[in-house]
Protein backbone atom coordinates (compact mmCIF):
# COMPACT_ATOMS: atom_id res chain seq x y z
CA MET A 1 4.40 -25.05 -9.35
CA LEU A 2 2.71 -23.67 -12.42
CA LYS A 3 0.54 -26.83 -12.77
CA THR A 4 -0.47 -26.51 -9.12
CA ARG A 5 -1.42 -22.87 -9.63
CA ILE A 6 -3.55 -23.63 -12.68
CA ILE A 7 -5.34 -26.57 -10.86
CA THR A 8 -6.06 -24.39 -7.89
CA ALA A 9 -7.37 -21.64 -10.11
CA VAL A 10 -9.67 -23.87 -12.13
CA VAL A 11 -11.02 -25.33 -8.86
CA LEU A 12 -11.74 -21.93 -7.37
CA LEU A 13 -13.37 -20.74 -10.57
CA ALA A 14 -15.45 -23.88 -10.76
CA VAL A 15 -16.71 -23.11 -7.16
CA LEU A 16 -16.94 -19.28 -7.28
CA LEU A 17 -18.49 -18.57 -10.65
CA PRO A 18 -21.64 -20.65 -10.06
CA VAL A 19 -22.01 -19.13 -6.59
CA LEU A 20 -21.63 -15.63 -8.07
CA PHE A 21 -24.09 -16.01 -10.96
CA PHE A 22 -26.77 -18.38 -9.66
CA ASN A 23 -28.04 -15.38 -7.69
CA TYR A 24 -28.53 -17.59 -4.45
CA PHE A 25 -27.45 -15.24 -1.66
CA PRO A 26 -27.19 -17.90 1.13
CA ALA A 27 -24.65 -19.82 -0.84
CA PHE A 28 -22.72 -16.64 -1.59
CA ALA A 29 -22.79 -15.70 2.18
CA VAL A 30 -21.42 -19.14 3.17
CA VAL A 31 -18.52 -18.79 0.74
CA ALA A 32 -17.90 -15.21 1.87
CA THR A 33 -17.89 -16.23 5.53
CA LEU A 34 -15.40 -19.05 4.93
CA PHE A 35 -13.02 -16.83 3.10
CA LEU A 36 -13.33 -14.06 5.82
CA GLY A 37 -12.60 -16.73 8.57
CA ALA A 38 -9.51 -17.79 6.59
CA ALA A 39 -8.37 -14.27 6.17
CA MET A 40 -8.75 -13.49 9.82
CA TRP A 41 -6.87 -16.66 10.79
CA GLU A 42 -3.98 -15.72 8.37
CA ALA A 43 -3.93 -12.08 9.64
CA ALA A 44 -3.70 -13.26 13.26
CA ARG A 45 -0.61 -15.42 12.33
CA LEU A 46 0.92 -12.31 10.61
CA PHE A 47 0.46 -10.35 13.86
CA GLY A 48 2.31 -13.00 15.94
CA LEU A 49 -0.63 -15.03 17.47
CA SER A 50 0.04 -18.67 18.22
CA ALA A 51 -1.56 -21.37 15.98
CA MET A 52 -4.31 -22.12 18.42
CA ARG A 53 -5.18 -18.55 19.07
CA ALA A 54 -5.13 -17.60 15.26
CA ARG A 55 -7.66 -20.44 14.80
CA VAL A 56 -9.90 -19.02 17.49
CA VAL A 57 -9.67 -15.66 15.74
CA GLY A 58 -10.61 -17.12 12.44
CA ILE A 59 -13.68 -19.03 13.86
CA ALA A 60 -14.72 -16.04 15.94
CA GLY A 61 -14.38 -13.72 13.05
CA ALA A 62 -16.55 -15.91 10.94
CA VAL A 63 -19.24 -16.33 13.60
CA LEU A 64 -19.20 -12.51 14.19
CA PHE A 65 -19.61 -11.85 10.38
CA VAL A 66 -22.64 -14.05 10.15
CA PHE A 67 -24.14 -12.25 13.17
CA LEU A 68 -23.49 -8.85 11.72
CA LEU A 69 -24.83 -9.85 8.26
CA GLN A 70 -28.05 -10.58 9.88
CA HIS A 71 -28.22 -7.13 11.59
CA SER A 72 -26.76 -4.83 8.99
CA GLY A 73 -29.84 -3.62 7.12
CA LYS A 74 -29.13 0.08 7.48
CA PRO A 75 -27.36 1.61 4.36
CA GLY A 76 -26.17 4.57 6.41
CA ALA A 77 -24.20 2.25 8.81
CA LEU A 78 -22.58 0.46 6.00
CA THR A 79 -21.53 3.73 4.31
CA ALA A 80 -20.05 4.85 7.56
CA LEU A 81 -18.24 1.44 7.74
CA TYR A 82 -16.70 1.86 4.25
CA GLY A 83 -15.80 5.44 5.09
CA ALA A 84 -14.01 4.51 8.37
CA ALA A 85 -12.07 1.87 6.52
CA CYS A 86 -11.04 4.27 3.72
CA LEU A 87 -9.83 6.65 6.46
CA LEU A 88 -7.84 3.96 8.18
CA TRP A 89 -6.02 3.17 4.95
CA LEU A 90 -5.30 6.86 4.51
CA ILE A 91 -4.12 7.75 7.90
CA ARG A 92 -2.70 4.52 9.31
CA TYR A 93 -1.73 1.84 6.78
CA ALA A 94 -0.42 3.90 3.82
CA PRO A 95 1.87 5.93 6.01
CA SER A 96 3.29 2.73 7.52
CA LEU A 97 4.87 1.98 4.06
CA GLY A 98 7.26 4.76 4.78
CA LEU A 99 7.41 4.91 8.59
CA GLY A 100 7.42 1.06 9.09
CA LEU A 101 5.44 -1.23 11.33
CA PRO A 102 5.65 -1.58 15.16
CA PRO A 103 7.52 -4.65 16.60
CA LEU A 104 5.55 -7.81 16.83
CA ALA A 105 5.43 -7.58 20.64
CA GLY A 106 3.66 -4.62 22.26
CA ALA A 107 0.55 -2.63 22.52
CA ALA A 108 1.10 -0.87 19.07
CA ASN A 109 1.17 -4.21 17.24
CA TRP A 110 -2.14 -5.34 18.80
CA SER A 111 -3.71 -1.96 18.08
CA LEU A 112 -2.74 -2.44 14.48
CA ALA A 113 -4.06 -5.98 14.47
CA ILE A 114 -7.40 -4.83 15.80
CA THR A 115 -7.81 -2.03 13.16
CA PHE A 116 -6.62 -4.34 10.35
CA SER A 117 -9.25 -6.84 11.37
CA PHE A 118 -11.78 -4.09 11.03
CA ALA A 119 -10.48 -3.36 7.50
CA ILE A 120 -10.94 -6.96 6.56
CA PHE A 121 -14.44 -6.97 7.84
CA ALA A 122 -15.15 -3.79 5.86
CA CYS A 123 -13.80 -5.47 2.71
CA PHE A 124 -16.01 -8.55 3.09
CA PHE A 125 -19.11 -6.29 3.83
CA ALA A 126 -18.30 -4.35 0.68
CA ILE A 127 -18.06 -7.69 -1.14
CA VAL A 128 -21.57 -8.56 0.00
CA GLY A 129 -22.86 -5.06 -0.73
CA LEU A 130 -21.46 -4.96 -4.19
CA TYR A 131 -22.80 -8.48 -4.91
CA GLN A 132 -26.20 -7.38 -3.72
CA HIS A 133 -26.09 -4.73 -6.43
CA SER A 134 -25.23 -7.52 -8.96
CA ALA A 135 -22.62 -10.18 -9.41
CA LEU A 136 -21.43 -8.34 -12.60
CA TYR A 137 -21.01 -5.12 -10.71
CA LEU A 138 -18.84 -6.87 -8.00
CA LEU A 139 -16.69 -8.47 -10.55
CA SER A 140 -16.32 -5.23 -12.49
CA VAL A 141 -14.65 -3.72 -9.46
CA MET A 142 -12.36 -6.76 -8.89
CA VAL A 143 -11.47 -6.71 -12.54
CA LEU A 144 -10.02 -3.26 -12.11
CA VAL A 145 -7.56 -4.68 -9.58
CA TRP A 146 -6.62 -7.60 -11.71
CA ILE A 147 -6.04 -5.38 -14.75
CA ALA A 148 -3.82 -3.13 -12.59
CA ASP A 149 -1.88 -6.13 -11.38
CA ILE A 150 -1.40 -7.61 -14.82
CA GLY A 151 -0.51 -4.25 -16.48
CA ALA A 152 1.98 -3.56 -13.63
CA TYR A 153 3.60 -6.98 -14.08
CA PHE A 154 4.26 -6.64 -17.85
CA SER A 155 5.08 -2.91 -17.65
CA GLY A 156 7.57 -3.60 -14.85
CA LYS A 157 9.16 -6.47 -16.79
CA ALA A 158 9.59 -4.25 -19.86
CA PHE A 159 10.35 -0.81 -18.42
CA GLY A 160 10.98 -1.27 -14.65
CA ARG A 161 13.89 0.77 -13.43
CA ARG A 162 12.97 2.74 -10.26
CA LYS A 163 11.94 0.58 -7.36
CA LEU A 164 8.58 1.46 -5.77
CA ALA A 165 9.21 0.07 -2.37
CA PRO A 166 12.59 -1.81 -2.36
CA SER A 167 12.67 -2.62 1.32
CA ILE A 168 9.13 -4.15 1.16
CA SER A 169 8.70 -5.60 -2.34
CA PRO A 170 11.82 -5.29 -4.45
CA GLY A 171 10.16 -6.54 -7.57
CA LYS A 172 7.74 -3.64 -7.86
CA SER A 173 8.65 -0.56 -9.75
CA TRP A 174 7.13 2.92 -10.46
CA GLU A 175 7.03 2.12 -14.10
CA GLY A 176 4.99 -1.05 -13.34
CA ALA A 177 2.46 0.89 -11.19
CA ILE A 178 2.09 3.57 -13.91
CA GLY A 179 1.64 0.83 -16.49
CA GLY A 180 -1.02 -0.79 -14.39
CA GLY A 181 -2.78 2.57 -13.99
CA ILE A 182 -2.69 3.19 -17.84
CA ALA A 183 -4.09 -0.36 -18.43
CA VAL A 184 -6.97 0.40 -16.14
CA LEU A 185 -7.81 3.77 -17.65
CA ALA A 186 -7.56 2.33 -21.22
CA ILE A 187 -9.80 -0.62 -20.70
CA SER A 188 -12.22 1.21 -18.43
CA SER A 189 -12.62 3.91 -21.17
CA ALA A 190 -13.13 1.26 -23.75
CA SER A 191 -15.85 -0.36 -21.70
CA VAL A 192 -17.55 3.14 -21.34
CA LEU A 193 -17.39 3.79 -25.02
CA LEU A 194 -18.72 0.30 -25.88
CA ALA A 195 -21.57 0.33 -23.32
CA ALA A 196 -23.87 2.08 -25.83
CA GLY A 197 -23.88 -1.01 -28.00
CA GLN A 198 -23.34 -3.53 -25.23
CA PRO A 199 -26.15 -3.22 -22.72
CA TRP A 200 -24.62 -5.67 -20.17
CA LEU A 201 -21.66 -3.30 -19.76
CA ARG A 202 -24.04 -0.53 -18.31
CA ASP A 203 -24.13 -2.36 -14.88
CA THR A 204 -20.34 -2.21 -14.44
CA PHE A 205 -18.52 0.12 -12.02
CA ALA A 206 -16.53 2.11 -14.60
CA VAL A 207 -19.49 2.77 -16.86
CA GLN A 208 -21.73 3.89 -13.97
CA LEU A 209 -18.86 5.98 -12.50
CA GLN A 210 -18.49 7.88 -15.81
CA ALA A 211 -22.27 8.33 -16.19
CA ARG A 212 -22.63 9.79 -12.73
CA PHE A 213 -19.43 12.02 -12.47
CA GLY A 214 -18.24 12.57 -16.12
CA TRP A 215 -14.89 11.81 -17.63
CA PRO A 216 -12.43 13.85 -15.60
CA LEU A 217 -13.59 12.74 -12.12
CA ALA A 218 -14.22 9.16 -13.34
CA LEU A 219 -10.63 8.79 -14.55
CA LEU A 220 -9.34 10.39 -11.28
CA VAL A 221 -11.30 7.92 -9.16
CA LEU A 222 -10.01 5.03 -11.30
CA LEU A 223 -6.50 6.12 -10.62
CA LEU A 224 -7.36 6.41 -6.92
CA ILE A 225 -8.49 2.75 -7.02
CA VAL A 226 -5.15 1.71 -8.72
CA ALA A 227 -3.22 3.58 -5.99
CA ALA A 228 -5.28 1.86 -3.20
CA SER A 229 -4.67 -1.55 -4.85
CA VAL A 230 -0.93 -0.98 -4.81
CA ILE A 231 -1.03 0.23 -1.20
CA GLY A 232 -3.05 -2.92 -0.11
CA ASP A 233 -0.54 -5.15 -1.88
CA LEU A 234 2.49 -3.50 -0.36
CA PHE A 235 0.96 -3.41 3.15
CA GLU A 236 0.39 -7.22 3.21
CA SER A 237 3.96 -7.68 1.84
CA GLN A 238 5.21 -5.49 4.72
CA LEU A 239 3.28 -7.66 7.30
CA LYS A 240 4.67 -10.79 5.81
CA ARG A 241 8.24 -9.45 5.74
CA ARG A 242 7.94 -8.47 9.33
CA ALA A 243 6.68 -11.83 10.38
CA ALA A 244 9.35 -13.63 8.23
CA ILE A 245 6.58 -15.42 6.31
CA LYS A 246 6.61 -15.94 2.53
CA ASP A 247 2.85 -16.62 2.13
CA SER A 248 -0.02 -15.71 4.46
CA SER A 249 -0.76 -19.42 4.44
CA ASN A 250 -0.85 -22.53 2.05
CA LEU A 251 -4.65 -22.74 1.84
CA LEU A 252 -4.55 -22.23 -1.88
CA PRO A 253 -1.75 -24.38 -3.28
CA GLY A 254 0.37 -22.45 -5.78
CA HIS A 255 -1.25 -19.14 -4.75
CA GLY A 256 -0.48 -18.92 -1.09
CA GLY A 257 -3.28 -17.91 1.29
CA VAL A 258 -6.44 -15.89 1.03
CA LEU A 259 -4.80 -12.68 2.04
CA ASP A 260 -2.38 -13.21 -0.67
CA ARG A 261 -5.15 -13.12 -3.19
CA ILE A 262 -7.25 -10.38 -1.72
CA ASP A 263 -4.59 -7.97 -0.30
CA ALA A 264 -5.12 -5.34 -3.12
CA LEU A 265 -8.82 -5.82 -2.69
CA ILE A 266 -8.98 -5.02 1.06
CA PRO A 267 -8.70 -1.14 0.48
CA VAL A 268 -10.24 -1.11 -2.89
CA LEU A 269 -13.61 -2.76 -2.31
CA PRO A 270 -14.78 -0.49 0.55
CA LEU A 271 -13.56 2.49 -1.45
CA ALA A 272 -15.69 1.29 -4.44
CA ALA A 273 -18.68 0.65 -2.31
CA LEU A 274 -18.41 4.13 -0.72
CA ILE A 275 -18.22 5.80 -4.15
CA GLY A 276 -21.02 3.46 -5.44
CA SER A 277 -23.22 4.64 -2.63
CA TRP A 278 -23.15 8.15 -4.27
CA PHE A 279 -24.32 6.97 -7.78
């Protein structure tokens, strides 16, 4: 299993890193569209659609994404999209972690499916928007989520006692979440302090955040991003538990599906793009 994970990760890096840093937008758009289509297909399965209908949703989502990319030149519209997605996470998805999800059959489930599709679209538009700022800027946001995840894993292993959401993801603890937050604050602070002597760091999210808002608000926003990543991770786990599915798919051997890899990014990237629009 570990060997499979490593091979898949190496292949993904070999494909994604050149696409990111060769600064050729059409190639990046193609890869983003393929991943969005896969995420939409997986989400449709989690909401109870048949295999055939889920494929149709995935293809239709990819086609719609391409169309919208070609007609999304207004920054104000994108800012509104990011704001609406953040609001959905605040008023609909985060509360469901305590209130539960509706049954797979019924109007409430399909309403949730439609709004979650909107959240996925907002995530991928944020990916494109952050990339258009720079590949490094996009990666600097993603790295915050990865640092939080790694910090939570090791903190949870070492100190985890109190379960964060035992009915959704029994392995997660409050101590792990706090450790992930501390790791993000520590590494982000170090990057800000080092930026004076390392010019390449100046085009990263944490450095620009601190330069624009100062230390107190920047640290608060970073903690908000960590909280959003935890909520995204737990919400997808809740969807999988309801659907009695271990992984969103097996598209990425050893890693599960696309949603399994981007679950924490779905709320974080629109939030980062929204905040970045204020820089």
